[in-house]
Amino acid sequence: MNEQLASMKGLLLDLDGTLYHGTQRIDGADVLIRQLREWKLPYRFVTNNSTVSPETVADRLRKMGIDAEPAEVCTSAQAAAQYIANKKPGATVLVIGESGLLEAVEAAGLQLVEDQPDFVLQGLDRQLSYERMTRAVRSIHQGAEFVLTNPDLLLPGEGGLFPGAGSIGAMLTAAGGKEPTLIGKPSKILMDYSLRQIGLTAEQTWVIGDNMATDIAAGHASGCGTLLVLTGLTNADNFEHYAERAGCKPDVICEDLHKLLSYISASIGI
């Protein structure tokens, strides 16, 4: 652990449950980001959300009083598009998803098509139709590689839970008969993409989040230090349950963002 402490050169920060709940800023999130900027400690906001652009994410944070720039945001949509572009530059892609995913695909120089794609790229799509599902399933059966932005089965929202991208992915997997390549947390693909954006190695970087099964598991998979904050999904009462389900434990646990800031300060010698 002493080696890890000495190597805190940058941070990959989860968003929902770590810095905010819905549209409400978590206490201390604004102070945390302001202090990281003052210390010039590199960080990226890392989200499984594929539906919105980095610009939209940054704007949402600023409206909550948290300083943010689009270049500081890494989404599963960006990582998925880059994954495909690295495998086959200019590939043809059938997208099941929303504006953030479509924009990321075009920005990566990929071609949006409706028939005979090289890849089926699927994220959350709240306007999904049976016709589009059929088109995607047929494309997978015809040999298209299936790429899933994130495995989240459920999303919290006003009035209760909603099906997430992982629920759509489960239908496509069952009907298409092919397991997808998973991009978002807990996969290391999103983490590796974020590390390239921040310009650091895994050994120099810590992942901070509230979810054992996504944030902490992704940090472990990518070889980063991991720090759990008890500000969202995981708390002192359910920690052992979630740790068992995730199959891993964080390197450090902080009760809130104020204690997190104190821990970072001590770790980097300030």
Foldseek 3Di string as FASTA:
>chain_A
DLLLLQQQQEEEEEDDLAQAPPLEGFPPNQVLQVVCVVVVRYYAYEELDQADALCVVQVSCVVNVHHDDSLRYFYLLLLQLQVVCVVPNQFEEAEQYHDSNVVSNVVSNHHYDQAQTQAYEYFDHPPDDPVSLVSLLVNLLVPHAYAYSAQDQWDADPPGIDGGRNVSQVVSCVSNVDHHHYRAFPDLSSVVVSCVSRVHAQSNYEYEEAALQGGVNNNVNRNHAYEHEPRGDDDPVCQVVRCVVNVHDHPYYDDGVVRVSVSSCVSNVD
